[in-house]
Amino acid sequence: MRVGPNRVLIFTGIFFQSVQRLGVGYAAESEGGVHVRVEEVDLFAMFLGTIQGDPEGGEFTGRISDPFGEAILVDIAISESEIRFTKIYADRSDPIFYNLQPACENGVWTGTYNGDTVGMGSVNMTVMEVPETFFTATLPYASPEIP
C-alpha cells in the first residue's frame, strides 16, 4: 500500500484484550457465602485515526483516538504486506507497538499490539486512502446563531 502525494489513509478498527479482574462472588452459606474470585474478561475498544505522508521528509505522521485518549503514531511503516506503527498517548509515555497484515482484499487488516503496560492483544482494522480534500467542507454552511 502506497500513500500518494496529497493523500491520507483513514482507518477505523477494534482492539481486543483479555484481562484478569477481581470480583466479589455471592453464594449460599452452605457453598461458602461471600468470596473473592478472579475472572478472565475480554475487553474491546473502537478506534479511528489518520496517517499521511510528509511531503518534505518522506516520513509518515499519524494520529489515533480511542476511549483511552488521543495518541500520536510514530515509526510508521506501510507496505502491501504490512502496516506497523507505535502508538504513544498524549498523557502517557509507554509505547504500544502495532503490527498488522492484510486479511483480505477489501481493506481489512488484522494483527497484534503489545506494550509493557497494556500487554498483548489482537486488532482488526479497515484502511482507506482518501485525498487531502476529504477533510475540506464541500458545501457552504453557516454557523448557527446563538440567541
Protein backbone atom coordinates (compact mmCIF):
# COMPACT_ATOMS: atom_id res chain seq x y z
CA MET A 1 0.00 0.00 0.00
CA ARG A 2 1.41 3.36 -1.01
CA VAL A 3 0.23 6.71 0.23
CA GLY A 4 0.47 9.06 -2.73
CA PRO A 5 1.11 12.82 -2.67
CA ASN A 6 -1.75 14.79 -1.14
CA ARG A 7 -3.34 11.54 0.03
CA VAL A 8 -4.24 10.37 3.53
CA LEU A 9 -5.07 6.97 5.00
CA ILE A 10 -8.08 6.95 7.27
CA PHE A 11 -8.69 3.90 9.41
CA THR A 12 -11.05 2.56 11.98
CA GLY A 13 -10.84 -0.58 13.99
CA ILE A 14 -11.29 -2.51 17.18
CA PHE A 15 -8.73 -3.91 19.58
CA PHE A 16 -9.26 -6.80 21.99
CA GLN A 17 -7.54 -7.72 25.23
CA SER A 18 -8.04 -10.43 27.84
CA VAL A 19 -7.55 -9.19 31.39
CA GLN A 20 -7.97 -10.62 34.85
CA ARG A 21 -10.05 -8.75 37.37
CA LEU A 22 -11.11 -9.33 40.95
CA GLY A 23 -14.77 -9.70 41.72
CA VAL A 24 -16.95 -10.48 44.67
CA GLY A 25 -18.97 -13.67 44.46
CA TYR A 26 -22.09 -14.37 46.42
CA ALA A 27 -23.24 -17.90 47.20
CA ALA A 28 -25.39 -19.62 49.74
CA GLU A 29 -23.81 -20.06 53.20
CA SER A 30 -23.66 -23.79 52.54
CA GLU A 31 -21.48 -23.05 49.47
CA GLY A 32 -19.08 -20.71 51.25
CA GLY A 33 -21.00 -17.43 51.31
CA VAL A 34 -19.27 -14.28 50.07
CA HIS A 35 -15.90 -14.86 48.40
CA VAL A 36 -13.38 -13.13 46.16
CA ARG A 37 -12.96 -14.51 42.68
CA VAL A 38 -10.54 -13.85 39.84
CA GLU A 39 -12.18 -13.84 36.44
CA GLU A 40 -10.87 -13.59 32.90
CA VAL A 41 -12.67 -10.86 30.93
CA ASP A 42 -12.33 -9.94 27.25
CA LEU A 43 -12.32 -6.18 26.71
CA PHE A 44 -12.59 -4.35 23.40
CA ALA A 45 -12.48 -0.75 22.23
CA MET A 46 -13.07 1.03 18.91
CA PHE A 47 -10.55 3.49 17.47
CA LEU A 48 -10.12 5.78 14.48
CA GLY A 49 -7.22 7.66 13.00
CA THR A 50 -5.27 9.04 10.08
CA ILE A 51 -1.83 8.52 8.56
CA GLN A 52 -0.32 10.86 6.00
CA GLY A 53 2.99 11.20 4.26
CA ASP A 54 5.28 14.10 4.99
CA PRO A 55 5.96 15.68 1.58
CA GLU A 56 9.24 17.19 2.82
CA GLY A 57 10.92 14.29 4.63
CA GLY A 58 9.09 11.31 3.16
CA GLU A 59 8.16 10.00 6.60
CA PHE A 60 4.65 9.32 7.79
CA THR A 61 2.80 11.09 10.59
CA GLY A 62 -0.34 9.85 12.25
CA ARG A 63 -2.93 10.33 14.96
CA ILE A 64 -5.34 7.93 16.63
CA SER A 65 -8.25 8.34 19.02
CA ASP A 66 -9.85 5.68 21.22
CA PRO A 67 -11.73 5.58 24.54
CA PHE A 68 -8.41 5.78 26.40
CA GLY A 69 -7.40 9.10 24.79
CA GLU A 70 -5.62 10.80 21.91
CA ALA A 71 -2.28 9.47 20.68
CA ILE A 72 0.34 10.12 18.05
CA LEU A 73 1.70 7.44 15.75
CA VAL A 74 5.46 7.20 15.18
CA ASP A 75 7.80 4.76 13.45
CA ILE A 76 5.14 4.15 10.80
CA ALA A 77 5.93 1.61 8.07
CA ILE A 78 3.45 0.77 5.30
CA SER A 79 3.77 -1.82 2.54
CA GLU A 80 1.49 -4.14 0.58
CA SER A 81 2.02 -6.85 3.21
CA GLU A 82 2.33 -4.96 6.49
CA ILE A 83 1.32 -1.86 8.46
CA ARG A 84 3.45 -1.14 11.55
CA PHE A 85 3.35 1.77 13.93
CA THR A 86 3.97 2.77 17.53
CA LYS A 87 1.18 4.50 19.46
CA ILE A 88 2.04 6.97 22.22
CA TYR A 89 -0.79 8.54 24.22
CA ALA A 90 -0.62 12.26 24.98
CA ASP A 91 -0.73 11.69 28.75
CA ARG A 92 1.45 8.53 28.96
CA SER A 93 4.99 7.70 27.89
CA ASP A 94 4.71 3.92 27.45
CA PRO A 95 4.72 2.94 23.75
CA ILE A 96 2.30 0.40 22.26
CA PHE A 97 3.55 -1.45 19.17
CA TYR A 98 1.11 -2.47 16.41
CA ASN A 99 1.79 -4.92 13.58
CA LEU A 100 -0.93 -5.78 11.01
CA GLN A 101 -1.19 -7.85 7.82
CA PRO A 102 -3.90 -7.76 5.14
CA ALA A 103 -6.73 -10.19 5.90
CA CYS A 104 -8.47 -9.87 2.53
CA GLU A 105 -8.62 -7.58 -0.48
CA ASN A 106 -11.30 -5.20 0.82
CA GLY A 107 -9.11 -3.12 3.12
CA VAL A 108 -9.34 -5.25 6.28
CA TRP A 109 -6.10 -5.77 8.22
CA THR A 110 -5.57 -7.99 11.28
CA GLY A 111 -2.72 -8.25 13.73
CA THR A 112 -1.46 -7.72 17.23
CA TYR A 113 -0.41 -4.97 19.59
CA ASN A 114 1.99 -5.18 22.51
CA GLY A 115 3.15 -2.86 25.28
CA ASP A 116 4.70 -3.16 28.74
CA THR A 117 1.66 -1.58 30.43
CA VAL A 118 -1.16 -2.97 28.26
CA GLY A 119 0.23 -6.42 27.49
CA MET A 120 -0.62 -8.16 24.22
CA GLY A 121 -3.88 -8.18 22.31
CA SER A 122 -5.36 -8.53 18.86
CA VAL A 123 -6.56 -5.84 16.48
CA ASN A 124 -8.77 -5.62 13.37
CA MET A 125 -8.67 -2.50 11.22
CA THR A 126 -10.10 -1.19 7.95
CA VAL A 127 -7.99 1.19 5.90
CA MET A 128 -9.00 3.54 3.09
CA GLU A 129 -6.92 6.02 1.10
CA VAL A 130 -8.55 9.42 0.52
CA PRO A 131 -7.36 12.74 -0.93
CA GLU A 132 -6.49 15.56 1.49
CA THR A 133 -9.58 17.38 0.20
CA PHE A 134 -11.64 14.77 2.08
CA PHE A 135 -11.07 16.95 5.16
CA THR A 136 -12.38 20.12 3.48
CA ALA A 137 -16.03 21.15 3.70
CA THR A 138 -17.56 20.96 0.22
CA LEU A 139 -20.90 22.59 0.91
CA PRO A 140 -21.38 26.11 2.21
CA TYR A 141 -22.56 26.07 5.76
CA ALA A 142 -23.45 28.75 8.24
CA SER A 143 -22.67 28.87 11.90
CA PRO A 144 -25.83 28.62 13.98
CA GLU A 145 -26.93 31.82 15.60
CA ILE A 146 -26.74 31.76 19.35
CA PRO A 147 -29.64 33.62 20.98
